[in-house]
Amino acid sequence: KKEAEAKFKEAAEAYDVLHDPQKRQRYDQFGFAG
């Protein structure tokens, strides 16, 4: 269950960045630092 919770949060973090055009563009260009 703890592993599932961690993956659930990891997916939420990824979606928060990639579904937003500006955040995704910054991530594509600068990686996590962006």
ModelCIF file with pLDDT and N, C-alpha, C, O atoms, coordinates in Angstrom:
data_MODEL
#
_entry.id   MODEL 
#
_entity.id                         1 
_entity.type                       polymer 
_entity.pdbx_number_of_molecules   1 
#
_entity_poly.entity_id                      1 
_entity_poly.type                           'polypeptide(L)' 
_entity_poly.nstd_linkage                   no 
_entity_poly.nstd_monomer                   no 
_entity_poly.pdbx_seq_one_letter_code       KKEAEAKFKEAAEAYDVLHDPQKRQRYDQFGFAG 
_entity_poly.pdbx_seq_one_letter_code_can   KKEAEAKFKEAAEAYDVLHDPQKRQRYDQFGFAG 
_entity_poly.pdbx_strand_id                 A 
#
loop_
_entity_poly_seq.entity_id 
_entity_poly_seq.num 
_entity_poly_seq.mon_id 
_entity_poly_seq.hetero 
1 1  LYS n 
1 2  LYS n 
1 3  GLU n 
1 4  ALA n 
1 5  GLU n 
1 6  ALA n 
1 7  LYS n 
1 8  PHE n 
1 9  LYS n 
1 10 GLU n 
1 11 ALA n 
1 12 ALA n 
1 13 GLU n 
1 14 ALA n 
1 15 TYR n 
1 16 ASP n 
1 17 VAL n 
1 18 LEU n 
1 19 HIS n 
1 20 ASP n 
1 21 PRO n 
1 22 GLN n 
1 23 LYS n 
1 24 ARG n 
1 25 GLN n 
1 26 ARG n 
1 27 TYR n 
1 28 ASP n 
1 29 GLN n 
1 30 PHE n 
1 31 GLY n 
1 32 PHE n 
1 33 ALA n 
1 34 GLY n 
#
_struct_asym.id          A 
_struct_asym.entity_id   1 
#
loop_
_ma_qa_metric.id 
_ma_qa_metric.mode 
_ma_qa_metric.name 
_ma_qa_metric.software_group_id 
_ma_qa_metric.type 
1 global pLDDT . pLDDT 
2 local  pLDDT . pLDDT 
#
_ma_qa_metric_global.metric_id      1 
_ma_qa_metric_global.metric_value   84.97 
_ma_qa_metric_global.model_id       1 
_ma_qa_metric_global.ordinal_id     1 
#
loop_
_ma_qa_metric_local.label_asym_id 
_ma_qa_metric_local.label_comp_id 
_ma_qa_metric_local.label_seq_id 
_ma_qa_metric_local.metric_id 
_ma_qa_metric_local.metric_value 
_ma_qa_metric_local.model_id 
_ma_qa_metric_local.ordinal_id 
A LYS 1  2 83.00 1 1  
A LYS 2  2 86.00 1 2  
A GLU 3  2 88.00 1 3  
A ALA 4  2 86.00 1 4  
A GLU 5  2 86.00 1 5  
A ALA 6  2 87.00 1 6  
A LYS 7  2 89.00 1 7  
A PHE 8  2 87.00 1 8  
A LYS 9  2 88.00 1 9  
A GLU 10 2 90.00 1 10 
A ALA 11 2 89.00 1 11 
A ALA 12 2 89.00 1 12 
A GLU 13 2 89.00 1 13 
A ALA 14 2 90.00 1 14 
A TYR 15 2 91.00 1 15 
A ASP 16 2 89.00 1 16 
A VAL 17 2 91.00 1 17 
A LEU 18 2 93.00 1 18 
A HIS 19 2 90.00 1 19 
A ASP 20 2 89.00 1 20 
A PRO 21 2 89.00 1 21 
A GLN 22 2 87.00 1 22 
A LYS 23 2 88.00 1 23 
A ARG 24 2 89.00 1 24 
A GLN 25 2 85.00 1 25 
A ARG 26 2 82.00 1 26 
A TYR 27 2 84.00 1 27 
A ASP 28 2 81.00 1 28 
A GLN 29 2 72.00 1 29 
A PHE 30 2 71.00 1 30 
A GLY 31 2 76.00 1 31 
A PHE 32 2 76.00 1 32 
A ALA 33 2 69.00 1 33 
A GLY 34 2 70.00 1 34 
#
loop_
_atom_site.group_PDB 
_atom_site.id 
_atom_site.type_symbol 
_atom_site.label_atom_id 
_atom_site.label_alt_id 
_atom_site.label_comp_id 
_atom_site.label_asym_id 
_atom_site.label_entity_id 
_atom_site.label_seq_id 
_atom_site.pdbx_PDB_ins_code 
_atom_site.Cartn_x 
_atom_site.Cartn_y 
_atom_site.Cartn_z 
_atom_site.occupancy 
_atom_site.B_iso_or_equiv 
_atom_site.pdbx_formal_charge 
_atom_site.auth_seq_id 
_atom_site.auth_comp_id 
_atom_site.auth_asym_id 
_atom_site.auth_atom_id 
_atom_site.pdbx_PDB_model_num 
ATOM 1   N N  . LYS A 1 1  ? 0.825  -1.205 0.000   1.00 83.00 ? 1  LYS A N  1 
ATOM 2   C CA . LYS A 1 1  ? 0.000  0.000  0.000   1.00 83.00 ? 1  LYS A CA 1 
ATOM 3   C C  . LYS A 1 1  ? 0.861  1.256  0.000   1.00 83.00 ? 1  LYS A C  1 
ATOM 4   O O  . LYS A 1 1  ? 0.544  2.230  -0.683  1.00 83.00 ? 1  LYS A O  1 
ATOM 5   N N  . LYS A 1 2  ? 1.945  1.237  0.762   1.00 86.00 ? 2  LYS A N  1 
ATOM 6   C CA . LYS A 1 2  ? 2.838  2.391  0.789   1.00 86.00 ? 2  LYS A CA 1 
ATOM 7   C C  . LYS A 1 2  ? 3.496  2.620  -0.565  1.00 86.00 ? 2  LYS A C  1 
ATOM 8   O O  . LYS A 1 2  ? 3.679  3.759  -0.995  1.00 86.00 ? 2  LYS A O  1 
ATOM 9   N N  . GLU A 1 3  ? 3.848  1.526  -1.231  1.00 88.00 ? 3  GLU A N  1 
ATOM 10  C CA . GLU A 1 3  ? 4.436  1.650  -2.563  1.00 88.00 ? 3  GLU A CA 1 
ATOM 11  C C  . GLU A 1 3  ? 3.432  2.231  -3.555  1.00 88.00 ? 3  GLU A C  1 
ATOM 12  O O  . GLU A 1 3  ? 3.776  3.070  -4.387  1.00 88.00 ? 3  GLU A O  1 
ATOM 13  N N  . ALA A 1 4  ? 2.174  1.768  -3.452  1.00 86.00 ? 4  ALA A N  1 
ATOM 14  C CA . ALA A 1 4  ? 1.123  2.295  -4.326  1.00 86.00 ? 4  ALA A CA 1 
ATOM 15  C C  . ALA A 1 4  ? 0.896  3.775  -4.061  1.00 86.00 ? 4  ALA A C  1 
ATOM 16  O O  . ALA A 1 4  ? 0.694  4.556  -4.991  1.00 86.00 ? 4  ALA A O  1 
ATOM 17  N N  . GLU A 1 5  ? 0.929  4.158  -2.785  1.00 86.00 ? 5  GLU A N  1 
ATOM 18  C CA . GLU A 1 5  ? 0.744  5.573  -2.434  1.00 86.00 ? 5  GLU A CA 1 
ATOM 19  C C  . GLU A 1 5  ? 1.857  6.422  -3.029  1.00 86.00 ? 5  GLU A C  1 
ATOM 20  O O  . GLU A 1 5  ? 1.596  7.509  -3.544  1.00 86.00 ? 5  GLU A O  1 
ATOM 21  N N  . ALA A 1 6  ? 3.099  5.940  -2.967  1.00 87.00 ? 6  ALA A N  1 
ATOM 22  C CA . ALA A 1 6  ? 4.239  6.678  -3.520  1.00 87.00 ? 6  ALA A CA 1 
ATOM 23  C C  . ALA A 1 6  ? 4.097  6.839  -5.029  1.00 87.00 ? 6  ALA A C  1 
ATOM 24  O O  . ALA A 1 6  ? 4.373  7.909  -5.572  1.00 87.00 ? 6  ALA A O  1 
ATOM 25  N N  . LYS A 1 7  ? 3.664  5.770  -5.710  1.00 89.00 ? 7  LYS A N  1 
ATOM 26  C CA . LYS A 1 7  ? 3.492  5.849  -7.162  1.00 89.00 ? 7  LYS A CA 1 
ATOM 27  C C  . LYS A 1 7  ? 2.316  6.759  -7.524  1.00 89.00 ? 7  LYS A C  1 
ATOM 28  O O  . LYS A 1 7  ? 2.343  7.443  -8.547  1.00 89.00 ? 7  LYS A O  1 
ATOM 29  N N  . PHE A 1 8  ? 1.288  6.761  -6.675  1.00 87.00 ? 8  PHE A N  1 
ATOM 30  C CA . PHE A 1 8  ? 0.138  7.634  -6.881  1.00 87.00 ? 8  PHE A CA 1 
ATOM 31  C C  . PHE A 1 8  ? 0.590  9.100  -6.840  1.00 87.00 ? 8  PHE A C  1 
ATOM 32  O O  . PHE A 1 8  ? 0.201  9.905  -7.686  1.00 87.00 ? 8  PHE A O  1 
ATOM 33  N N  . LYS A 1 9  ? 1.426  9.432  -5.829  1.00 88.00 ? 9  LYS A N  1 
ATOM 34  C CA . LYS A 1 9  ? 1.928  10.800 -5.690  1.00 88.00 ? 9  LYS A CA 1 
ATOM 35  C C  . LYS A 1 9  ? 2.883  11.148 -6.825  1.00 88.00 ? 9  LYS A C  1 
ATOM 36  O O  . LYS A 1 9  ? 2.863  12.268 -7.336  1.00 88.00 ? 9  LYS A O  1 
ATOM 37  N N  . GLU A 1 10 ? 3.723  10.185 -7.223  1.00 90.00 ? 10 GLU A N  1 
ATOM 38  C CA . GLU A 1 10 ? 4.680  10.419 -8.304  1.00 90.00 ? 10 GLU A CA 1 
ATOM 39  C C  . GLU A 1 10 ? 3.938  10.736 -9.601  1.00 90.00 ? 10 GLU A C  1 
ATOM 40  O O  . GLU A 1 10 ? 4.337  11.629 -10.348 1.00 90.00 ? 10 GLU A O  1 
ATOM 41  N N  . ALA A 1 11 ? 2.863  10.004 -9.864  1.00 89.00 ? 11 ALA A N  1 
ATOM 42  C CA . ALA A 1 11 ? 2.080  10.244 -11.078 1.00 89.00 ? 11 ALA A CA 1 
ATOM 43  C C  . ALA A 1 11 ? 1.413  11.621 -11.023 1.00 89.00 ? 11 ALA A C  1 
ATOM 44  O O  . ALA A 1 11 ? 1.334  12.315 -12.037 1.00 89.00 ? 11 ALA A O  1 
ATOM 45  N N  . ALA A 1 12 ? 0.932  12.015 -9.837  1.00 89.00 ? 12 ALA A N  1 
ATOM 46  C CA . ALA A 1 12 ? 0.296  13.326 -9.683  1.00 89.00 ? 12 ALA A CA 1 
ATOM 47  C C  . ALA A 1 12 ? 1.296  14.441 -9.949  1.00 89.00 ? 12 ALA A C  1 
ATOM 48  O O  . ALA A 1 12 ? 0.969  15.441 -10.587 1.00 89.00 ? 12 ALA A O  1 
ATOM 49  N N  . GLU A 1 13 ? 2.516  14.262 -9.456  1.00 89.00 ? 13 GLU A N  1 
ATOM 50  C CA . GLU A 1 13 ? 3.562  15.269 -9.684  1.00 89.00 ? 13 GLU A CA 1 
ATOM 51  C C  . GLU A 1 13 ? 3.882  15.387 -11.172 1.00 89.00 ? 13 GLU A C  1 
ATOM 52  O O  . GLU A 1 13 ? 4.019  16.491 -11.699 1.00 89.00 ? 13 GLU A O  1 
ATOM 53  N N  . ALA A 1 14 ? 3.999  14.245 -11.846 1.00 90.00 ? 14 ALA A N  1 
ATOM 54  C CA . ALA A 1 14 ? 4.297  14.255 -13.280 1.00 90.00 ? 14 ALA A CA 1 
ATOM 55  C C  . ALA A 1 14 ? 3.167  14.919 -14.061 1.00 90.00 ? 14 ALA A C  1 
ATOM 56  O O  . ALA A 1 14 ? 3.419  15.708 -14.972 1.00 90.00 ? 14 ALA A O  1 
ATOM 57  N N  . TYR A 1 15 ? 1.928  14.602 -13.707 1.00 91.00 ? 15 TYR A N  1 
ATOM 58  C CA . TYR A 1 15 ? 0.795  15.179 -14.419 1.00 91.00 ? 15 TYR A CA 1 
ATOM 59  C C  . TYR A 1 15 ? 0.696  16.680 -14.184 1.00 91.00 ? 15 TYR A C  1 
ATOM 60  O O  . TYR A 1 15 ? 0.363  17.432 -15.100 1.00 91.00 ? 15 TYR A O  1 
ATOM 61  N N  . ASP A 1 16 ? 0.981  17.121 -12.964 1.00 89.00 ? 16 ASP A N  1 
ATOM 62  C CA . ASP A 1 16 ? 0.919  18.545 -12.647 1.00 89.00 ? 16 ASP A CA 1 
ATOM 63  C C  . ASP A 1 16 ? 1.821  19.347 -13.582 1.00 89.00 ? 16 ASP A C  1 
ATOM 64  O O  . ASP A 1 16 ? 1.466  20.459 -13.974 1.00 89.00 ? 16 ASP A O  1 
ATOM 65  N N  . VAL A 1 17 ? 2.970  18.806 -13.940 1.00 91.00 ? 17 VAL A N  1 
ATOM 66  C CA . VAL A 1 17 ? 3.905  19.511 -14.810 1.00 91.00 ? 17 VAL A CA 1 
ATOM 67  C C  . VAL A 1 17 ? 3.533  19.345 -16.282 1.00 91.00 ? 17 VAL A C  1 
ATOM 68  O O  . VAL A 1 17 ? 3.496  20.327 -17.023 1.00 91.00 ? 17 VAL A O  1 
ATOM 69  N N  . LEU A 1 18 ? 3.257  18.110 -16.714 1.00 93.00 ? 18 LEU A N  1 
ATOM 70  C CA . LEU A 1 18 ? 3.103  17.847 -18.147 1.00 93.00 ? 18 LEU A CA 1 
ATOM 71  C C  . LEU A 1 18 ? 1.769  18.307 -18.713 1.00 93.00 ? 18 LEU A C  1 
ATOM 72  O O  . LEU A 1 18 ? 1.666  18.513 -19.922 1.00 93.00 ? 18 LEU A O  1 
ATOM 73  N N  . HIS A 1 19 ? 0.732  18.477 -17.875 1.00 90.00 ? 19 HIS A N  1 
ATOM 74  C CA . HIS A 1 19 ? -0.541 18.919 -18.446 1.00 90.00 ? 19 HIS A CA 1 
ATOM 75  C C  . HIS A 1 19 ? -0.609 20.433 -18.575 1.00 90.00 ? 19 HIS A C  1 
ATOM 76  O O  . HIS A 1 19 ? -1.523 20.964 -19.205 1.00 90.00 ? 19 HIS A O  1 
ATOM 77  N N  . ASP A 1 20 ? 0.352  21.130 -17.981 1.00 89.00 ? 20 ASP A N  1 
ATOM 78  C CA . ASP A 1 20 ? 0.398  22.588 -18.042 1.00 89.00 ? 20 ASP A CA 1 
ATOM 79  C C  . ASP A 1 20 ? 1.399  23.000 -19.122 1.00 89.00 ? 20 ASP A C  1 
ATOM 80  O O  . ASP A 1 20 ? 2.583  22.689 -18.995 1.00 89.00 ? 20 ASP A O  1 
ATOM 81  N N  . PRO A 1 21 ? 0.961  23.696 -20.189 1.00 89.00 ? 21 PRO A N  1 
ATOM 82  C CA . PRO A 1 21 ? 1.867  24.015 -21.303 1.00 89.00 ? 21 PRO A CA 1 
ATOM 83  C C  . PRO A 1 21 ? 3.130  24.738 -20.878 1.00 89.00 ? 21 PRO A C  1 
ATOM 84  O O  . PRO A 1 21 ? 4.214  24.427 -21.373 1.00 89.00 ? 21 PRO A O  1 
ATOM 85  N N  . GLN A 1 22 ? 3.010  25.714 -19.956 1.00 87.00 ? 22 GLN A N  1 
ATOM 86  C CA . GLN A 1 22 ? 4.185  26.476 -19.536 1.00 87.00 ? 22 GLN A CA 1 
ATOM 87  C C  . GLN A 1 22 ? 5.151  25.608 -18.724 1.00 87.00 ? 22 GLN A C  1 
ATOM 88  O O  . GLN A 1 22 ? 6.356  25.605 -18.976 1.00 87.00 ? 22 GLN A O  1 
ATOM 89  N N  . LYS A 1 23 ? 4.609  24.873 -17.751 1.00 88.00 ? 23 LYS A N  1 
ATOM 90  C CA . LYS A 1 23 ? 5.476  24.024 -16.931 1.00 88.00 ? 23 LYS A CA 1 
ATOM 91  C C  . LYS A 1 23 ? 6.146  22.951 -17.794 1.00 88.00 ? 23 LYS A C  1 
ATOM 92  O O  . LYS A 1 23 ? 7.324  22.641 -17.614 1.00 88.00 ? 23 LYS A O  1 
ATOM 93  N N  . ARG A 1 24 ? 5.384  22.396 -18.726 1.00 89.00 ? 24 ARG A N  1 
ATOM 94  C CA . ARG A 1 24 ? 5.939  21.350 -19.582 1.00 89.00 ? 24 ARG A CA 1 
ATOM 95  C C  . ARG A 1 24 ? 7.067  21.908 -20.444 1.00 89.00 ? 24 ARG A C  1 
ATOM 96  O O  . ARG A 1 24 ? 8.096  21.257 -20.627 1.00 89.00 ? 24 ARG A O  1 
ATOM 97  N N  . GLN A 1 25 ? 6.868  23.125 -20.978 1.00 85.00 ? 25 GLN A N  1 
ATOM 98  C CA . GLN A 1 25 ? 7.913  23.730 -21.796 1.00 85.00 ? 25 GLN A CA 1 
ATOM 99  C C  . GLN A 1 25 ? 9.175  23.982 -20.981 1.00 85.00 ? 25 GLN A C  1 
ATOM 100 O O  . GLN A 1 25 ? 10.284 23.749 -21.464 1.00 85.00 ? 25 GLN A O  1 
ATOM 101 N N  . ARG A 1 26 ? 9.010  24.463 -19.730 1.00 82.00 ? 26 ARG A N  1 
ATOM 102 C CA . ARG A 1 26 ? 10.170 24.699 -18.874 1.00 82.00 ? 26 ARG A CA 1 
ATOM 103 C C  . ARG A 1 26 ? 10.859 23.382 -18.527 1.00 82.00 ? 26 ARG A C  1 
ATOM 104 O O  . ARG A 1 26 ? 12.087 23.313 -18.480 1.00 82.00 ? 26 ARG A O  1 
ATOM 105 N N  . TYR A 1 27 ? 10.061 22.331 -18.282 1.00 84.00 ? 27 TYR A N  1 
ATOM 106 C CA . TYR A 1 27 ? 10.639 21.024 -17.954 1.00 84.00 ? 27 TYR A CA 1 
ATOM 107 C C  . TYR A 1 27 ? 11.394 20.452 -19.147 1.00 84.00 ? 27 TYR A C  1 
ATOM 108 O O  . TYR A 1 27 ? 12.487 19.906 -18.994 1.00 84.00 ? 27 TYR A O  1 
ATOM 109 N N  . ASP A 1 28 ? 10.797 20.581 -20.360 1.00 81.00 ? 28 ASP A N  1 
ATOM 110 C CA . ASP A 1 28 ? 11.452 20.063 -21.560 1.00 81.00 ? 28 ASP A CA 1 
ATOM 111 C C  . ASP A 1 28 ? 12.791 20.756 -21.798 1.00 81.00 ? 28 ASP A C  1 
ATOM 112 O O  . ASP A 1 28 ? 13.738 20.137 -22.284 1.00 81.00 ? 28 ASP A O  1 
ATOM 113 N N  . GLN A 1 29 ? 12.866 22.034 -21.458 1.00 72.00 ? 29 GLN A N  1 
ATOM 114 C CA . GLN A 1 29 ? 14.081 22.788 -21.732 1.00 72.00 ? 29 GLN A CA 1 
ATOM 115 C C  . GLN A 1 29 ? 15.109 22.701 -20.616 1.00 72.00 ? 29 GLN A C  1 
ATOM 116 O O  . GLN A 1 29 ? 16.308 22.610 -20.879 1.00 72.00 ? 29 GLN A O  1 
ATOM 117 N N  . PHE A 1 30 ? 14.638 22.730 -19.352 1.00 71.00 ? 30 PHE A N  1 
ATOM 118 C CA . PHE A 1 30 ? 15.562 22.822 -18.230 1.00 71.00 ? 30 PHE A CA 1 
ATOM 119 C C  . PHE A 1 30 ? 15.532 21.622 -17.294 1.00 71.00 ? 30 PHE A C  1 
ATOM 120 O O  . PHE A 1 30 ? 16.297 21.576 -16.331 1.00 71.00 ? 30 PHE A O  1 
ATOM 121 N N  . GLY A 1 31 ? 14.653 20.638 -17.563 1.00 76.00 ? 31 GLY A N  1 
ATOM 122 C CA . GLY A 1 31 ? 14.560 19.485 -16.675 1.00 76.00 ? 31 GLY A CA 1 
ATOM 123 C C  . GLY A 1 31 ? 13.920 19.855 -15.351 1.00 76.00 ? 31 GLY A C  1 
ATOM 124 O O  . GLY A 1 31 ? 13.124 20.792 -15.286 1.00 76.00 ? 31 GLY A O  1 
ATOM 125 N N  . PHE A 1 32 ? 14.261 19.127 -14.289 1.00 76.00 ? 32 PHE A N  1 
ATOM 126 C CA . PHE A 1 32 ? 13.654 19.371 -12.981 1.00 76.00 ? 32 PHE A CA 1 
ATOM 127 C C  . PHE A 1 32 ? 13.963 20.769 -12.468 1.00 76.00 ? 32 PHE A C  1 
ATOM 128 O O  . PHE A 1 32 ? 13.175 21.341 -11.715 1.00 76.00 ? 32 PHE A O  1 
ATOM 129 N N  . ALA A 1 33 ? 15.103 21.325 -12.868 1.00 69.00 ? 33 ALA A N  1 
ATOM 130 C CA . ALA A 1 33 ? 15.468 22.668 -12.414 1.00 69.00 ? 33 ALA A CA 1 
ATOM 131 C C  . ALA A 1 33 ? 14.496 23.711 -12.943 1.00 69.00 ? 33 ALA A C  1 
ATOM 132 O O  . ALA A 1 33 ? 14.334 24.766 -12.331 1.00 69.00 ? 33 ALA A O  1 
ATOM 133 N N  . GLY A 1 34 ? 13.846 23.437 -14.069 1.00 70.00 ? 34 GLY A N  1 
ATOM 134 C CA . GLY A 1 34 ? 12.932 24.398 -14.651 1.00 70.00 ? 34 GLY A CA 1 
ATOM 135 C C  . GLY A 1 34 ? 11.583 24.463 -13.977 1.00 70.00 ? 34 GLY A C  1 
ATOM 136 O O  . GLY A 1 34 ? 10.725 25.245 -14.387 1.00 70.00 ? 34 GLY A O  1 
#
